[in-house]
């Protein structure tokens, strides 16, 4: 059995250190030369400071500025954190047991670190606030979408729960507020081919074999708005937003569909009116039926309480 490689650096602020494996065919004389060449976003003088202060380590401890390049070796360090605007909304715990943690995520909070969102993410917050350093996500929810997200407490059990989502064995129900159009027959199932290209904010529908499917049901309508139940069979990036947008009824508060609109980092007004309402599945370990429901509501629906 392959021995698990343990990091010589502990978590910091709820974040694991970065781990890099040096290429086996490397031509660099020193670890510093490799890092300067392969990490262009990290200035050379910053790399020098980190080496001088013992912040870059190998399996045997801190590496010096002249540490030789060893093909196949590993190095660890903590990344510099971006300046982040605090997200002023709380995470609510819906369920916790020995295996699972299910939370009600607010709008504007990312699930896991990515890009400019690191400390202000659900995973990092929960690791710190609940003192759960080994917590890991079973799946992800878009930053602008509120609702249920499931995490696994024990790393050795993460694969079983991630497989549920990968194999589409989790019944997910969403709720959305969008324009009401009496000409659109409901319920309906939308199938299309969705492509999300790296570096492009919005996903696109293209001709070809469908890779996404969503059932859309109208729950009620009032004052020109509809409250919709969305039942995705697949999980493409922005799938629900793309499908409602393609019907001419984009979700209220959507800054990407049908057109991209810029939003300041500290603008928490007019959130996307999309909520991950329900998660239901057969537990892969116990065989019991699990069902979790969000306690949040969407604030744009007339005469509904704001949360």
Protein backbone atom coordinates (compact mmCIF):
# COMPACT_ATOMS: atom_id res chain seq x y z
CA UNK A 1 0.00 0.00 0.00
CA UNK A 2 1.25 3.45 -0.87
CA UNK A 3 2.32 5.47 2.19
CA UNK A 4 0.44 8.73 2.61
CA UNK A 5 2.71 11.76 2.42
CA UNK A 6 2.24 13.91 5.51
CA UNK A 7 2.89 17.64 5.27
CA UNK A 8 5.62 18.94 7.59
CA UNK A 9 3.68 22.22 7.83
CA UNK A 10 0.44 22.52 9.82
CA UNK A 11 -2.65 24.31 8.53
CA UNK A 12 -2.66 28.08 8.82
CA UNK A 13 -5.93 30.01 9.12
CA UNK A 14 -7.69 26.74 8.27
CA UNK A 15 -5.73 26.36 5.02
CA UNK A 16 -3.50 23.47 4.01
CA UNK A 17 -0.05 24.40 2.68
CA UNK A 18 0.69 24.24 -1.02
CA UNK A 19 2.53 21.04 -2.01
CA UNK A 20 4.73 20.93 -5.11
CA UNK A 21 6.51 17.91 -6.55
CA UNK A 22 9.77 18.73 -8.29
CA UNK A 23 9.85 17.31 -11.86
CA UNK A 24 11.86 14.12 -12.30
CA UNK A 25 13.40 15.54 -15.49
CA UNK A 26 14.22 18.92 -13.99
CA UNK A 27 17.25 20.89 -15.14
CA UNK A 28 17.34 23.50 -12.38
CA UNK A 29 20.37 23.75 -10.10
CA UNK A 30 18.44 24.86 -7.00
CA UNK A 31 14.91 24.74 -5.62
CA UNK A 32 14.91 28.55 -5.81
CA UNK A 33 15.61 28.44 -9.57
CA UNK A 34 12.68 26.05 -10.02
CA UNK A 35 10.26 28.18 -7.97
CA UNK A 36 11.23 31.40 -9.78
CA UNK A 37 10.74 29.68 -13.14
CA UNK A 38 7.49 27.86 -12.34
CA UNK A 39 5.74 30.39 -10.06
CA UNK A 40 5.71 33.61 -12.12
CA UNK A 41 2.99 35.14 -9.91
CA UNK A 42 5.34 34.94 -6.93
CA UNK A 43 8.07 37.62 -7.28
CA UNK A 44 11.66 36.38 -6.94
CA UNK A 45 12.29 38.67 -3.97
CA UNK A 46 9.28 37.16 -2.19
CA UNK A 47 10.64 33.65 -2.82
CA UNK A 48 13.99 34.80 -1.41
CA UNK A 49 12.30 36.14 1.72
CA UNK A 50 10.33 32.92 2.22
CA UNK A 51 13.50 30.83 1.88
CA UNK A 52 15.42 33.08 4.25
CA UNK A 53 12.62 32.88 6.84
CA UNK A 54 12.28 29.10 6.62
CA UNK A 55 8.79 29.25 5.11
CA UNK A 56 9.54 26.80 2.30
CA UNK A 57 10.22 23.31 3.57
CA UNK A 58 11.08 19.87 2.30
CA UNK A 59 10.63 16.46 3.89
CA UNK A 60 13.66 17.10 6.14
CA UNK A 61 12.86 20.67 7.17
CA UNK A 62 13.30 24.27 5.95
CA UNK A 63 15.13 24.80 2.67
CA UNK A 64 17.85 27.39 2.27
CA UNK A 65 18.42 29.72 -0.65
CA UNK A 66 21.02 27.33 -2.11
CA UNK A 67 19.09 24.08 -1.49
CA UNK A 68 19.83 21.80 -4.46
CA UNK A 69 17.12 20.71 -6.85
CA UNK A 70 16.29 17.04 -6.16
CA UNK A 71 14.15 15.46 -8.93
CA UNK A 72 10.91 14.00 -7.59
CA UNK A 73 11.21 15.62 -4.16
CA UNK A 74 8.35 17.55 -2.53
CA UNK A 75 8.30 21.08 -1.13
CA UNK A 76 5.61 22.79 0.93
CA UNK A 77 4.76 26.41 1.70
CA UNK A 78 1.81 28.57 2.64
CA UNK A 79 0.51 30.87 -0.04
CA UNK A 80 0.23 34.62 0.49
CA UNK A 81 -3.40 35.49 1.12
CA UNK A 82 -5.27 37.95 -1.11
CA UNK A 83 -7.01 41.00 0.30
CA UNK A 84 -10.62 39.91 0.76
CA UNK A 85 -13.82 41.74 1.57
CA UNK A 86 -15.49 39.95 4.49
CA UNK A 87 -18.81 38.35 3.57
CA UNK A 88 -21.15 39.66 6.29
CA UNK A 89 -23.45 36.63 6.48
CA UNK A 90 -23.37 33.58 8.73
CA UNK A 91 -23.17 29.90 7.89
CA UNK A 92 -25.95 27.92 9.57
CA UNK A 93 -25.38 24.30 10.58
CA UNK A 94 -28.30 22.11 9.45
CA UNK A 95 -26.90 18.73 10.49
CA UNK A 96 -23.78 17.26 12.08
CA UNK A 97 -22.83 13.69 12.99
CA UNK A 98 -19.64 11.62 13.04
CA UNK A 99 -19.41 11.58 9.23
CA UNK A 100 -21.26 14.55 7.77
CA UNK A 101 -21.68 18.27 8.25
CA UNK A 102 -24.47 19.95 6.27
CA UNK A 103 -24.66 23.75 6.27
CA UNK A 104 -26.91 26.46 4.88
CA UNK A 105 -24.53 28.65 2.87
CA UNK A 106 -25.39 32.33 2.35
CA UNK A 107 -25.19 34.12 -0.97
CA UNK A 108 -21.76 35.54 -1.93
CA UNK A 109 -19.72 32.98 0.05
CA UNK A 110 -17.63 30.55 -2.03
CA UNK A 111 -17.60 26.89 -1.02
CA UNK A 112 -13.84 26.31 -1.30
CA UNK A 113 -10.75 28.50 -1.87
CA UNK A 114 -10.26 29.65 -5.42
CA UNK A 115 -8.74 32.77 -6.94
CA UNK A 116 -9.42 35.81 -4.78
CA UNK A 117 -11.68 33.91 -2.36
CA UNK A 118 -9.65 32.04 0.26
CA UNK A 119 -10.38 32.86 3.89
CA UNK A 120 -13.89 34.02 2.98
CA UNK A 121 -15.04 30.55 1.96
CA UNK A 122 -17.33 28.06 3.65
CA UNK A 123 -14.64 25.38 4.00
CA UNK A 124 -12.06 27.61 5.65
CA UNK A 125 -14.58 29.30 7.93
CA UNK A 126 -15.93 25.96 9.12
CA UNK A 127 -12.48 24.49 9.72
CA UNK A 128 -11.63 27.46 11.95
CA UNK A 129 -14.95 28.08 13.68
CA UNK A 130 -15.78 24.43 14.40
CA UNK A 131 -12.16 23.31 14.89
CA UNK A 132 -12.43 20.67 12.16
CA UNK A 133 -9.05 20.78 10.38
CA UNK A 134 -9.71 17.63 8.33
CA UNK A 135 -13.08 18.82 6.98
CA UNK A 136 -13.47 18.43 3.21
CA UNK A 137 -16.30 19.15 0.73
CA UNK A 138 -18.44 16.37 -0.75
CA UNK A 139 -19.49 18.73 -3.57
CA UNK A 140 -19.55 22.44 -4.37
CA UNK A 141 -22.13 25.18 -4.68
CA UNK A 142 -21.64 28.35 -6.71
CA UNK A 143 -20.54 31.38 -4.69
CA UNK A 144 -23.65 33.37 -5.63
CA UNK A 145 -26.08 30.54 -4.86
CA UNK A 146 -27.38 30.09 -1.31
CA UNK A 147 -28.40 26.84 0.33
CA UNK A 148 -27.23 23.39 1.28
CA UNK A 149 -23.63 22.25 1.07
CA UNK A 150 -22.38 18.93 2.46
CA UNK A 151 -18.94 18.34 4.00
CA UNK A 152 -17.23 15.17 5.22
CA UNK A 153 -15.50 15.08 8.60
CA UNK A 154 -13.20 12.10 7.98
CA UNK A 155 -10.90 12.12 4.92
CA UNK A 156 -11.13 8.34 4.53
CA UNK A 157 -14.88 8.62 3.98
CA UNK A 158 -14.85 11.53 1.56
CA UNK A 159 -14.64 9.32 -1.53
CA UNK A 160 -17.85 7.44 -0.73
CA UNK A 161 -19.87 10.65 -0.49
CA UNK A 162 -18.20 12.38 -3.44
CA UNK A 163 -19.05 9.34 -5.56
CA UNK A 164 -22.75 9.90 -4.81
CA UNK A 165 -22.60 13.29 -6.50
CA UNK A 166 -20.36 12.08 -9.32
CA UNK A 167 -22.73 9.21 -10.11
CA UNK A 168 -25.84 11.44 -9.87
CA UNK A 169 -27.25 9.51 -6.93
CA UNK A 170 -28.18 12.65 -4.98
CA UNK A 171 -31.60 14.16 -5.59
CA UNK A 172 -31.12 17.92 -5.59
CA UNK A 173 -33.93 20.42 -5.55
CA UNK A 174 -33.47 24.15 -6.08
CA UNK A 175 -35.79 27.12 -5.87
CA UNK A 176 -35.50 30.21 -8.05
CA UNK A 177 -37.30 33.50 -8.61
CA UNK A 178 -37.56 34.62 -12.24
CA UNK A 179 -39.93 36.44 -14.56
CA UNK A 180 -43.28 34.76 -15.14
CA UNK A 181 -44.15 34.11 -18.79
CA UNK A 182 -47.63 32.70 -19.36
CA UNK A 183 -46.58 31.52 -22.83
CA UNK A 184 -44.14 28.99 -21.37
CA UNK A 185 -45.81 25.65 -20.70
CA UNK A 186 -44.88 24.24 -17.29
CA UNK A 187 -43.61 21.86 -16.15
CA UNK A 188 -40.97 21.24 -18.78
CA UNK A 189 -37.61 19.56 -19.16
CA UNK A 190 -34.74 21.46 -20.75
CA UNK A 191 -31.85 19.58 -22.34
CA UNK A 192 -28.88 21.24 -24.03
CA UNK A 193 -25.15 21.14 -24.53
CA UNK A 194 -23.43 23.55 -22.12
CA UNK A 195 -19.76 24.47 -22.52
CA UNK A 196 -17.78 26.48 -19.95
CA UNK A 197 -14.41 27.69 -21.25
CA UNK A 198 -11.53 28.59 -18.99
CA UNK A 199 -11.17 32.34 -18.54
CA UNK A 200 -14.70 33.09 -19.79
CA UNK A 201 -17.18 34.07 -17.08
CA UNK A 202 -20.37 32.82 -18.69
CA UNK A 203 -21.08 29.32 -19.97
CA UNK A 204 -22.53 28.89 -23.45
CA UNK A 205 -25.09 26.60 -25.05
CA UNK A 206 -23.80 25.06 -28.25
CA UNK A 207 -25.14 22.67 -30.89
CA UNK A 208 -24.44 19.02 -30.25
CA UNK A 209 -25.27 16.12 -27.99
CA UNK A 210 -26.95 17.41 -24.81
CA UNK A 211 -24.86 17.12 -21.64
CA UNK A 212 -27.29 18.83 -19.27
CA UNK A 213 -30.88 18.28 -18.19
CA UNK A 214 -33.17 20.24 -15.85
CA UNK A 215 -36.83 19.76 -14.99
CA UNK A 216 -38.52 23.10 -14.31
CA UNK A 217 -41.78 23.42 -12.40
CA UNK A 218 -43.77 26.56 -11.67
CA UNK A 219 -44.78 26.60 -8.00
CA UNK A 220 -46.73 29.87 -8.10
CA UNK A 221 -46.68 33.28 -9.75
CA UNK A 222 -47.52 36.77 -8.60
CA UNK A 223 -46.89 40.36 -9.71
CA UNK A 224 -45.07 39.31 -12.86
CA UNK A 225 -42.69 36.94 -11.05
CA UNK A 226 -42.66 33.17 -10.82
CA UNK A 227 -41.35 30.92 -8.08
CA UNK A 228 -39.83 27.85 -9.70
CA UNK A 229 -38.76 24.42 -8.52
CA UNK A 230 -35.66 23.23 -10.39
CA UNK A 231 -34.68 19.56 -10.47
CA UNK A 232 -31.32 19.11 -12.22
CA UNK A 233 -30.43 15.65 -13.45
CA UNK A 234 -26.90 16.76 -14.33
CA UNK A 235 -24.53 19.28 -12.77
CA UNK A 236 -22.90 21.41 -15.44
CA UNK A 237 -21.41 24.76 -14.45
CA UNK A 238 -24.18 27.41 -14.17
CA UNK A 239 -26.65 24.89 -15.59
CA UNK A 240 -29.77 26.25 -13.89
CA UNK A 241 -28.91 29.84 -14.72
CA UNK A 242 -28.21 28.96 -18.35
CA UNK A 243 -31.41 26.97 -18.77
CA UNK A 244 -33.71 29.61 -17.30
CA UNK A 245 -31.89 32.28 -19.27
CA UNK A 246 -32.35 30.30 -22.49
CA UNK A 247 -36.12 30.30 -21.86
CA UNK A 248 -36.11 34.10 -21.60
CA UNK A 249 -36.73 34.10 -17.85
CA UNK A 250 -33.28 34.70 -16.29
CA UNK A 251 -33.06 34.39 -12.52
CA UNK A 252 -33.54 37.66 -10.65
CA UNK A 253 -30.19 39.14 -9.60
CA UNK A 254 -28.15 37.22 -12.18
CA UNK A 255 -25.03 39.19 -13.18
CA UNK A 256 -24.01 36.81 -15.97
CA UNK A 257 -27.13 35.75 -17.84
CA UNK A 258 -28.28 36.98 -20.25
CA UNK A 259 -25.57 39.69 -20.11
CA UNK A 260 -22.47 40.13 -17.95
CA UNK A 261 -22.71 42.97 -15.43
CA UNK A 262 -19.83 44.15 -13.24
CA UNK A 263 -20.32 44.07 -9.46
CA UNK A 264 -18.04 45.57 -6.81
CA UNK A 265 -16.49 43.12 -4.35
CA UNK A 266 -18.25 44.80 -1.43
CA UNK A 267 -21.68 44.96 -3.08
CA UNK A 268 -23.87 42.42 -1.28
CA UNK A 269 -27.17 43.86 -2.46
CA UNK A 270 -29.57 42.13 -4.87
CA UNK A 271 -28.31 38.54 -4.46
CA UNK A 272 -28.96 35.92 -7.10
CA UNK A 273 -32.40 34.48 -6.34
CA UNK A 274 -31.32 30.84 -6.45
CA UNK A 275 -31.44 28.48 -3.48
CA UNK A 276 -30.21 24.89 -3.09
CA UNK A 277 -33.27 23.73 -1.18
CA UNK A 278 -33.00 19.95 -0.72
CA UNK A 279 -30.43 17.14 -0.73
CA UNK A 280 -31.69 13.55 -0.60
CA UNK A 281 -29.74 10.29 -1.00
CA UNK A 282 -29.17 6.80 0.34
CA UNK A 283 -26.17 6.90 2.65
CA UNK A 284 -23.38 4.78 1.12
CA UNK A 285 -22.12 3.69 4.55
CA UNK A 286 -25.30 3.03 6.56
CA UNK A 287 -27.79 2.40 3.73
CA UNK A 288 -30.31 4.76 5.34
CA UNK A 289 -32.24 7.47 3.49
CA UNK A 290 -30.90 10.94 4.20
CA UNK A 291 -32.84 14.13 3.48
CA UNK A 292 -31.77 17.66 4.35
CA UNK A 293 -33.70 20.89 3.74
CA UNK A 294 -32.56 24.49 3.73
CA UNK A 295 -34.20 26.86 6.19
CA UNK A 296 -33.49 29.89 4.03
CA UNK A 297 -35.97 31.72 1.83
CA UNK A 298 -35.44 33.94 -1.21
CA UNK A 299 -36.00 37.57 -0.31
CA UNK A 300 -37.31 38.73 -3.69
CA UNK A 301 -40.56 36.81 -3.52
CA UNK A 302 -43.41 39.21 -2.61
CA UNK A 303 -44.70 38.96 0.96
CA UNK A 304 -42.10 36.37 1.97
CA UNK A 305 -39.83 36.91 4.98
CA UNK A 306 -36.31 38.16 4.29
CA UNK A 307 -33.37 36.05 5.49
